[in-house]
């Protein structure tokens, strides 16, 4: 963990995005700083980020709560800029989450780190409070670079105080290693975190999630295997639909917290006999028919995810085809007039819209008048509230007024944002009225 390079970038706000006032207040960012025309565009910034991360690859990408937040933000940003979305999972890269690391350190050996207690009396794993409780410098919470430096220091603490846990953390950042481990072991302890609390369960892998290649389905060994084997398919489906389900699911590419039975402290097994648990695991592993039935019953009981009406939320609804992948690559290599023709040839509905939006934001002069007006109409409808799920003028104004009623706007940040929203909303209403006429 010796620093060899540092990179930081900012961009101006995308024109079709309204920031939530709580985010402005938390980060201390004014609407003037976000709309500063001296800053590069979002598309230019994402291109710079991609170029730097590719130059650092292969690497292990680590952040704090990054698997569920930062990684998702990066994937969406890349995808909406017509780049391949899975940079940190491809190119021999691995990824891991320092939040899971410190939670695992606390769960396995609580003396290694100080976990602070919030004003509500609950233990908290927020980065700012964790850093302060462990004597680490964290000058500007929620500032990207300051958060990174605090995360590095937390990782150093775990590395120094629990080297075995650190090695396991790095090892399981590689999805191939995770896959080999769950296939080779008769069973293992899966640790999951909910509400800042660690939950350990001895499990055995029963198969791949048929809906996602990186998903693994495991059976909790706290349940009577013999009873499950005697159930009919209907009974099994009803049993697995219970909450919490005996079936646990995790992704091998999301740096899960796994512990071999022989490495697990007694408290991870909740008083269970290691011999009995291992026997249960071997019995399940040897019964291919039971594993098949369990997977089928679990999938049958799982509720399907409805297709989002919002194209931005469909990133996981299929990969671009090989022809579109070629077009995406070519898009970044040619002039803007040529980019428009590439966008119009894209087969994927998501990519066509993202591409048109990019051309509109970066070089609208190349757009035919009819296409330009259609894009403007679509963007205006989204911000006015067309049911697509983005933050609207009305909701943003309501949230801003609510915050101003709850706290003192000592620097006028929220008041200026309210004026910005009112002006933008009035302009959009006039445009939409003109479109109706």
Protein backbone atom coordinates (compact mmCIF):
# COMPACT_ATOMS: atom_id res chain seq x y z
CA UNK A 1 0.00 0.00 0.00
CA UNK A 2 2.66 2.48 -1.05
CA UNK A 3 1.29 5.32 -3.14
CA UNK A 4 2.69 5.38 -6.68
CA UNK A 5 0.17 7.65 -8.43
CA UNK A 6 -2.74 9.94 -7.68
CA UNK A 7 -5.61 11.10 -9.87
CA UNK A 8 -8.55 13.41 -9.21
CA UNK A 9 -11.12 14.83 -11.63
CA UNK A 10 -14.30 16.87 -11.55
CA UNK A 11 -16.88 17.79 -14.14
CA UNK A 12 -19.81 20.12 -14.47
CA UNK A 13 -23.29 18.79 -13.84
CA UNK A 14 -24.99 16.96 -16.69
CA UNK A 15 -27.82 19.19 -18.02
CA UNK A 16 -30.50 16.54 -17.50
CA UNK A 17 -29.57 15.84 -13.87
CA UNK A 18 -30.97 17.64 -10.82
CA UNK A 19 -28.88 17.07 -7.69
CA UNK A 20 -30.76 16.20 -4.53
CA UNK A 21 -30.57 19.10 -2.05
CA UNK A 22 -29.49 16.71 0.73
CA UNK A 23 -26.48 15.73 -1.39
CA UNK A 24 -25.57 19.39 -1.88
CA UNK A 25 -25.83 20.01 1.86
CA UNK A 26 -23.84 16.89 2.78
CA UNK A 27 -21.02 17.64 0.34
CA UNK A 28 -21.09 21.42 0.75
CA UNK A 29 -21.34 21.92 -3.02
CA UNK A 30 -23.15 24.93 -4.42
CA UNK A 31 -25.16 24.83 -7.63
CA UNK A 32 -22.78 27.49 -9.01
CA UNK A 33 -19.78 25.18 -8.55
CA UNK A 34 -21.64 22.29 -10.19
CA UNK A 35 -22.62 24.29 -13.25
CA UNK A 36 -19.26 26.05 -13.71
CA UNK A 37 -18.67 26.08 -17.47
CA UNK A 38 -14.90 26.11 -16.88
CA UNK A 39 -15.14 22.50 -15.72
CA UNK A 40 -14.97 19.71 -18.31
CA UNK A 41 -18.14 17.93 -19.37
CA UNK A 42 -19.18 14.68 -17.74
CA UNK A 43 -18.33 12.80 -20.96
CA UNK A 44 -14.80 14.27 -21.01
CA UNK A 45 -14.27 13.41 -17.34
CA UNK A 46 -15.47 9.82 -17.75
CA UNK A 47 -13.10 9.41 -20.68
CA UNK A 48 -10.20 10.62 -18.51
CA UNK A 49 -11.18 8.31 -15.66
CA UNK A 50 -11.38 5.33 -18.00
CA UNK A 51 -8.00 6.14 -19.55
CA UNK A 52 -6.32 6.34 -16.12
CA UNK A 53 -7.93 3.18 -14.75
CA UNK A 54 -7.03 1.25 -17.88
CA UNK A 55 -3.41 2.40 -17.52
CA UNK A 56 -3.40 1.07 -13.94
CA UNK A 57 -4.87 -2.29 -14.94
CA UNK A 58 -4.55 -5.06 -13.92
CA UNK A 59 -5.20 -4.01 -10.35
CA UNK A 60 -7.33 -4.67 -7.29
CA UNK A 61 -9.84 -1.81 -7.07
CA UNK A 62 -10.83 -1.04 -3.48
CA UNK A 63 -13.17 1.59 -2.06
CA UNK A 64 -15.30 2.11 1.04
CA UNK A 65 -18.82 0.76 0.44
CA UNK A 66 -17.67 0.71 -3.18
CA UNK A 67 -19.28 -2.54 -4.34
CA UNK A 68 -22.77 -1.18 -3.72
CA UNK A 69 -22.14 2.51 -4.47
CA UNK A 70 -18.94 3.69 -6.18
CA UNK A 71 -18.69 0.67 -8.48
CA UNK A 72 -22.32 1.11 -9.51
CA UNK A 73 -21.77 4.82 -10.17
CA UNK A 74 -18.70 4.02 -12.29
CA UNK A 75 -20.48 1.30 -14.26
CA UNK A 76 -23.44 3.53 -15.03
CA UNK A 77 -21.18 6.44 -15.99
CA UNK A 78 -19.18 4.27 -18.40
CA UNK A 79 -22.27 2.66 -19.89
CA UNK A 80 -24.06 5.98 -20.46
CA UNK A 81 -20.93 7.32 -22.16
CA UNK A 82 -20.88 4.32 -24.54
CA UNK A 83 -17.91 2.60 -22.90
CA UNK A 84 -17.86 -1.04 -21.71
CA UNK A 85 -19.31 -0.92 -18.19
CA UNK A 86 -17.33 -3.61 -16.39
CA UNK A 87 -13.83 -2.15 -16.38
CA UNK A 88 -12.98 -3.16 -12.80
CA UNK A 89 -14.14 -6.74 -13.37
CA UNK A 90 -12.43 -7.26 -16.73
CA UNK A 91 -8.86 -6.76 -18.00
CA UNK A 92 -7.62 -9.17 -15.27
CA UNK A 93 -8.80 -6.67 -12.65
CA UNK A 94 -10.25 -7.58 -9.26
CA UNK A 95 -12.36 -5.59 -6.83
CA UNK A 96 -12.98 -5.54 -3.10
CA UNK A 97 -14.74 -3.42 -0.50
CA UNK A 98 -12.96 -1.97 2.53
CA UNK A 99 -16.28 -1.66 4.38
CA UNK A 100 -16.62 -5.45 4.32
CA UNK A 101 -12.99 -5.72 5.43
CA UNK A 102 -13.43 -3.60 8.56
CA UNK A 103 -16.76 -5.28 9.35
CA UNK A 104 -15.09 -8.68 9.00
CA UNK A 105 -12.21 -7.54 11.21
CA UNK A 106 -14.69 -6.46 13.87
CA UNK A 107 -16.67 -9.70 13.56
CA UNK A 108 -13.65 -12.01 13.75
CA UNK A 109 -11.53 -10.09 16.24
CA UNK A 110 -13.33 -7.07 17.77
CA UNK A 111 -10.19 -5.79 19.51
CA UNK A 112 -8.50 -4.96 16.20
CA UNK A 113 -10.52 -1.79 15.50
CA UNK A 114 -12.52 0.72 17.50
CA UNK A 115 -16.11 0.83 16.25
CA UNK A 116 -17.83 4.05 17.40
CA UNK A 117 -21.38 4.39 18.66
CA UNK A 118 -23.75 6.84 16.96
CA UNK A 119 -25.94 9.42 18.71
CA UNK A 120 -28.78 6.88 18.47
CA UNK A 121 -26.73 4.43 20.51
CA UNK A 122 -25.96 2.07 17.63
CA UNK A 123 -22.54 0.95 16.47
CA UNK A 124 -21.68 2.67 13.20
CA UNK A 125 -19.30 1.81 10.37
CA UNK A 126 -19.48 5.20 8.65
CA UNK A 127 -16.06 6.13 7.29
CA UNK A 128 -15.87 9.53 8.99
CA UNK A 129 -16.69 8.16 12.45
CA UNK A 130 -14.50 5.05 12.01
CA UNK A 131 -11.50 7.16 11.04
CA UNK A 132 -11.93 9.49 14.02
CA UNK A 133 -12.42 6.62 16.50
CA UNK A 134 -9.21 4.95 15.32
CA UNK A 135 -7.12 8.13 15.37
CA UNK A 136 -6.90 8.54 11.60
CA UNK A 137 -6.81 11.83 9.75
CA UNK A 138 -9.93 12.48 7.67
CA UNK A 139 -9.97 16.20 7.03
CA UNK A 140 -12.90 16.48 4.62
CA UNK A 141 -15.56 13.79 4.87
CA UNK A 142 -17.36 13.05 1.57
CA UNK A 143 -14.52 14.61 -0.43
CA UNK A 144 -13.34 11.89 -2.80
CA UNK A 145 -9.60 12.20 -2.19
CA UNK A 146 -9.97 12.59 1.57
CA UNK A 147 -12.22 9.50 1.67
CA UNK A 148 -9.64 7.52 -0.31
CA UNK A 149 -6.81 8.48 2.05
CA UNK A 150 -8.88 7.54 5.12
CA UNK A 151 -9.79 4.21 3.48
CA UNK A 152 -6.12 3.45 2.86
CA UNK A 153 -5.29 4.11 6.51
CA UNK A 154 -8.06 1.79 7.69
CA UNK A 155 -6.75 -0.91 5.37
CA UNK A 156 -3.26 -0.41 6.79
CA UNK A 157 -4.60 -0.92 10.32
CA UNK A 158 -6.22 -4.23 9.39
CA UNK A 159 -3.13 -5.30 7.45
CA UNK A 160 -0.91 -4.61 10.47
CA UNK A 161 -3.19 -6.07 13.14
CA UNK A 162 -4.78 -8.98 11.28
CA UNK A 163 -2.53 -10.01 8.37
CA UNK A 164 -4.39 -13.31 7.83
CA UNK A 165 -7.68 -11.48 7.37
CA UNK A 166 -6.01 -9.02 4.99
CA UNK A 167 -4.60 -11.85 2.87
CA UNK A 168 -8.06 -13.47 2.68
CA UNK A 169 -9.53 -10.09 1.67
CA UNK A 170 -7.07 -9.72 -1.22
CA UNK A 171 -7.45 -13.39 -2.20
CA UNK A 172 -11.24 -13.20 -2.50
CA UNK A 173 -11.14 -10.00 -4.55
CA UNK A 174 -10.50 -12.37 -7.46
CA UNK A 175 -13.73 -13.98 -8.65
CA UNK A 176 -11.92 -17.01 -10.09
CA UNK A 177 -10.38 -17.68 -6.68
CA UNK A 178 -13.79 -17.35 -5.00
CA UNK A 179 -15.31 -19.74 -7.54
CA UNK A 180 -12.55 -22.31 -6.98
CA UNK A 181 -12.92 -22.02 -3.20
CA UNK A 182 -16.70 -22.57 -3.07
CA UNK A 183 -16.42 -25.47 -5.53
CA UNK A 184 -13.55 -27.17 -3.71
CA UNK A 185 -14.71 -26.77 -0.10
CA UNK A 186 -17.35 -29.11 1.31
CA UNK A 187 -18.67 -26.08 3.17
CA UNK A 188 -17.60 -22.73 4.59
CA UNK A 189 -18.85 -19.81 6.67
CA UNK A 190 -20.57 -17.01 4.76
CA UNK A 191 -20.61 -13.66 6.57
CA UNK A 192 -23.21 -11.10 5.52
CA UNK A 193 -23.71 -7.59 6.88
CA UNK A 194 -27.05 -5.93 7.55
CA UNK A 195 -27.49 -2.68 9.44
CA UNK A 196 -23.89 -2.72 10.62
CA UNK A 197 -24.29 -6.20 12.11
CA UNK A 198 -22.42 -9.32 10.95
CA UNK A 199 -24.38 -12.52 10.43
CA UNK A 200 -22.44 -15.77 10.06
CA UNK A 201 -23.84 -18.97 8.60
CA UNK A 202 -22.13 -22.26 7.77
CA UNK A 203 -23.22 -23.04 4.22
CA UNK A 204 -22.59 -25.41 1.33
CA UNK A 205 -22.71 -24.31 -2.31
CA UNK A 206 -25.54 -26.06 -4.18
CA UNK A 207 -25.06 -24.49 -7.60
CA UNK A 208 -24.80 -21.50 -9.93
CA UNK A 209 -27.66 -19.02 -10.09
CA UNK A 210 -29.22 -19.82 -13.50
CA UNK A 211 -30.15 -16.14 -13.92
CA UNK A 212 -26.63 -14.82 -13.32
CA UNK A 213 -23.36 -16.58 -14.06
CA UNK A 214 -21.54 -14.85 -11.17
CA UNK A 215 -24.23 -15.78 -8.63
CA UNK A 216 -23.82 -18.73 -6.28
CA UNK A 217 -26.61 -20.35 -4.29
CA UNK A 218 -25.79 -21.89 -0.92
CA UNK A 219 -27.79 -23.84 1.65
CA UNK A 220 -27.54 -22.86 5.30
CA UNK A 221 -26.36 -25.86 7.29
CA UNK A 222 -28.42 -24.81 10.30
CA UNK A 223 -31.32 -26.56 8.55
CA UNK A 224 -32.08 -30.30 8.72
CA UNK A 225 -30.85 -31.73 5.43
CA UNK A 226 -32.79 -34.96 5.89
CA UNK A 227 -36.04 -33.03 6.33
CA UNK A 228 -35.39 -31.03 3.16
CA UNK A 229 -34.66 -34.20 1.18
CA UNK A 230 -38.00 -35.75 2.24
CA UNK A 231 -40.06 -32.75 1.11
CA UNK A 232 -42.02 -32.78 -2.15
CA UNK A 233 -41.18 -30.15 -4.75
CA UNK A 234 -44.22 -28.08 -3.70
CA UNK A 235 -43.30 -28.29 -0.01
CA UNK A 236 -39.70 -27.44 -0.81
CA UNK A 237 -40.70 -24.36 -2.78
CA UNK A 238 -42.92 -23.10 0.05
CA UNK A 239 -40.18 -23.76 2.60
CA UNK A 240 -37.51 -21.90 0.63
CA UNK A 241 -39.84 -18.92 0.12
CA UNK A 242 -39.77 -18.24 3.87
CA UNK A 243 -37.97 -15.19 5.25
CA UNK A 244 -35.13 -15.57 5.97
CA UNK A 245 -34.70 -18.24 3.33
CA UNK A 246 -32.48 -21.27 4.01
CA UNK A 247 -30.87 -20.41 0.67
CA UNK A 248 -28.22 -17.70 0.72
CA UNK A 249 -27.05 -16.03 -2.49
CA UNK A 250 -23.84 -14.11 -3.17
CA UNK A 251 -21.81 -12.98 -6.18
CA UNK A 252 -18.33 -14.35 -6.71
CA UNK A 253 -17.32 -11.03 -8.33
CA UNK A 254 -18.40 -8.92 -5.31
CA UNK A 255 -15.61 -9.89 -2.89
CA UNK A 256 -17.75 -11.95 -0.49
CA UNK A 257 -16.59 -12.57 3.09
CA UNK A 258 -15.91 -16.32 3.26
CA UNK A 259 -14.10 -18.37 5.92
CA UNK A 260 -13.02 -22.00 5.72
CA UNK A 261 -14.39 -24.14 8.55
CA UNK A 262 -10.91 -24.76 9.95
CA UNK A 263 -10.26 -20.97 10.11
CA UNK A 264 -13.60 -20.05 11.69
CA UNK A 265 -13.70 -19.02 15.38
CA UNK A 266 -16.29 -20.83 17.49
CA UNK A 267 -18.66 -17.85 17.67
CA UNK A 268 -19.06 -17.99 13.87
CA UNK A 269 -20.67 -21.41 14.22
CA UNK A 270 -23.11 -20.21 16.91
CA UNK A 271 -22.40 -23.18 19.17
CA UNK A 272 -22.87 -25.77 16.42
CA UNK A 273 -20.73 -28.89 16.30
CA UNK A 274 -18.09 -28.56 13.61
CA UNK A 275 -18.21 -32.33 13.01
CA UNK A 276 -21.99 -32.33 12.50
CA UNK A 277 -21.82 -29.26 10.24
CA UNK A 278 -19.12 -30.81 8.07
CA UNK A 279 -21.11 -34.07 7.81
CA UNK A 280 -24.17 -32.08 6.69
CA UNK A 281 -22.08 -30.25 4.09
CA UNK A 282 -20.62 -33.44 2.65
CA UNK A 283 -24.07 -35.05 2.52
CA UNK A 284 -25.49 -32.16 0.51
CA UNK A 285 -22.46 -31.95 -1.76
CA UNK A 286 -22.75 -35.67 -2.59
CA UNK A 287 -26.48 -35.48 -3.37
CA UNK A 288 -26.61 -33.93 -6.84
CA UNK A 289 -30.34 -34.59 -7.14
CA UNK A 290 -31.09 -32.69 -3.91
CA UNK A 291 -28.93 -29.76 -5.05
CA UNK A 292 -30.79 -29.63 -8.38
CA UNK A 293 -34.17 -29.72 -6.61
CA UNK A 294 -33.14 -27.01 -4.15
CA UNK A 295 -31.96 -24.67 -6.92
CA UNK A 296 -35.12 -25.28 -9.00
CA UNK A 297 -37.41 -24.71 -5.99
CA UNK A 298 -35.59 -21.52 -4.99
CA UNK A 299 -35.74 -20.07 -8.51
CA UNK A 300 -39.44 -20.98 -8.83
CA UNK A 301 -40.19 -19.14 -5.56
CA UNK A 302 -38.20 -16.03 -6.52
CA UNK A 303 -40.20 -13.02 -7.64
CA UNK A 304 -39.16 -11.72 -11.08
CA UNK A 305 -37.79 -8.20 -11.39
CA UNK A 306 -40.05 -5.98 -13.55
CA UNK A 307 -38.40 -4.19 -16.47
CA UNK A 308 -37.76 -0.58 -15.49
CA UNK A 309 -39.34 2.10 -17.71
CA UNK A 310 -36.15 4.10 -17.17
CA UNK A 311 -33.40 3.18 -19.67
CA UNK A 312 -30.69 4.23 -17.22
CA UNK A 313 -31.85 1.48 -14.86
CA UNK A 314 -31.54 -1.27 -17.48
CA UNK A 315 -27.77 -1.64 -17.34
CA UNK A 316 -28.14 -5.26 -16.19
CA UNK A 317 -30.81 -6.19 -18.74
CA UNK A 318 -28.41 -7.77 -21.20
CA UNK A 319 -25.01 -7.05 -22.69
CA UNK A 320 -24.59 -5.08 -25.94
CA UNK A 321 -24.20 -7.37 -28.95
CA UNK A 322 -20.81 -7.74 -30.68
CA UNK A 323 -21.81 -5.40 -33.52
CA UNK A 324 -22.84 -2.69 -31.06
CA UNK A 325 -19.63 -3.22 -29.10
CA UNK A 326 -17.71 -2.41 -32.27
CA UNK A 327 -19.85 0.67 -32.86
CA UNK A 328 -19.31 1.82 -29.27
CA UNK A 329 -15.55 1.62 -29.73
CA UNK A 330 -15.69 3.44 -33.06
CA UNK A 331 -17.87 6.20 -31.58
CA UNK A 332 -14.96 7.62 -29.57
CA UNK A 333 -12.54 7.60 -32.50
CA UNK A 334 -14.33 9.75 -35.09
CA UNK A 335 -15.65 13.29 -35.56
CA UNK A 336 -19.03 14.32 -34.12
CA UNK A 337 -20.93 14.21 -37.45
CA UNK A 338 -19.69 10.64 -37.92
CA UNK A 339 -20.61 9.81 -34.34
CA UNK A 340 -24.21 10.70 -35.04
CA UNK A 341 -24.42 8.18 -37.87
CA UNK A 342 -22.86 5.52 -35.60
CA UNK A 343 -25.42 6.26 -32.86
CA UNK A 344 -28.29 5.98 -35.32
CA UNK A 345 -27.02 2.55 -36.39
CA UNK A 346 -26.92 1.12 -32.85
CA UNK A 347 -29.28 -1.82 -32.33
CA UNK A 348 -29.55 -1.49 -28.53
CA UNK A 349 -32.30 0.95 -27.52
CA UNK A 350 -30.39 1.98 -24.40
CA UNK A 351 -27.24 2.82 -26.30
CA UNK A 352 -29.10 4.75 -29.00
CA UNK A 353 -30.64 7.05 -26.41
CA UNK A 354 -27.39 7.51 -24.48
CA UNK A 355 -25.57 8.24 -27.74
CA UNK A 356 -28.12 10.79 -28.93
CA UNK A 357 -27.99 12.48 -25.56
CA UNK A 358 -24.17 12.64 -25.71
CA UNK A 359 -24.24 14.20 -29.18
CA UNK A 360 -26.85 16.71 -27.99
CA UNK A 361 -24.76 17.71 -24.95
CA UNK A 362 -21.40 17.77 -26.73
CA UNK A 363 -22.12 18.85 -30.33
CA UNK A 364 -25.81 19.60 -30.90
CA UNK A 365 -24.94 21.59 -34.02
CA UNK A 366 -24.60 18.30 -35.94
CA UNK A 367 -28.14 17.19 -35.10
CA UNK A 368 -30.98 17.59 -37.58
CA UNK A 369 -33.59 20.02 -36.23
CA UNK A 370 -36.24 17.32 -35.81
CA UNK A 371 -33.89 15.06 -33.82
CA UNK A 372 -32.76 17.97 -31.65
CA UNK A 373 -36.35 18.92 -30.79
CA UNK A 374 -37.25 15.31 -29.99
CA UNK A 375 -34.32 14.99 -27.59
CA UNK A 376 -35.24 18.28 -25.91
CA UNK A 377 -38.86 17.16 -25.57
CA UNK A 378 -37.82 13.87 -24.01
CA UNK A 379 -35.43 15.50 -21.53
CA UNK A 380 -38.00 18.14 -20.58
CA UNK A 381 -40.65 15.48 -19.96
CA UNK A 382 -38.30 13.50 -17.73
CA UNK A 383 -37.57 16.49 -15.51
CA UNK A 384 -41.25 17.46 -15.44
CA UNK A 385 -42.20 13.97 -14.29
CA UNK A 386 -43.01 11.38 -16.95
CA UNK A 387 -42.80 8.42 -14.57
CA UNK A 388 -39.28 7.43 -15.62
CA UNK A 389 -37.93 7.72 -12.10
CA UNK A 390 -35.52 10.66 -12.16
CA UNK A 391 -35.66 13.58 -9.72
CA UNK A 392 -38.10 16.17 -11.04
CA UNK A 393 -38.30 19.95 -10.58
CA UNK A 394 -41.33 19.54 -8.35
CA UNK A 395 -39.71 16.93 -6.10
CA UNK A 396 -36.40 18.79 -5.91
CA UNK A 397 -38.18 22.02 -4.93
CA UNK A 398 -40.26 20.20 -2.32
CA UNK A 399 -37.16 18.57 -0.80
CA UNK A 400 -35.28 21.89 -0.83
CA UNK A 401 -38.12 23.68 0.97
CA UNK A 402 -38.35 20.83 3.47
CA UNK A 403 -34.63 21.02 4.27
CA UNK A 404 -34.74 24.80 4.60
CA UNK A 405 -37.54 24.38 7.14
CA UNK A 406 -35.53 21.88 9.16
CA UNK A 407 -32.12 23.58 9.31
CA UNK A 408 -30.52 26.99 9.04
CA UNK A 409 -29.30 27.76 5.54
CA UNK A 410 -26.40 29.78 6.91
CA UNK A 411 -24.46 30.01 3.64
CA UNK A 412 -27.48 30.44 1.34
CA UNK A 413 -26.60 27.22 -0.51
CA UNK A 414 -30.17 25.90 -0.50
CA UNK A 415 -31.74 29.28 -1.21
CA UNK A 416 -29.63 29.70 -4.34
CA UNK A 417 -30.45 26.17 -5.43
CA UNK A 418 -34.15 26.91 -5.04
CA UNK A 419 -33.81 29.93 -7.33
CA UNK A 420 -31.97 27.77 -9.86
CA UNK A 421 -34.76 25.19 -9.76
CA UNK A 422 -37.48 27.79 -10.14
CA UNK A 423 -35.73 29.36 -13.15
CA UNK A 424 -35.09 26.01 -14.83
CA UNK A 425 -38.64 24.85 -14.14
CA UNK A 426 -40.13 28.01 -15.65
CA UNK A 427 -37.99 27.67 -18.77
CA UNK A 428 -38.95 24.00 -19.15
CA UNK A 429 -42.66 24.79 -18.70
CA UNK A 430 -42.48 27.45 -21.43
CA UNK A 431 -40.72 25.00 -23.75
CA UNK A 432 -43.25 22.24 -23.12
CA UNK A 433 -46.14 24.64 -23.69
CA UNK A 434 -44.61 25.62 -27.01
CA UNK A 435 -44.28 21.96 -27.96
CA UNK A 436 -47.99 21.38 -27.26
CA UNK A 437 -48.93 24.31 -29.49
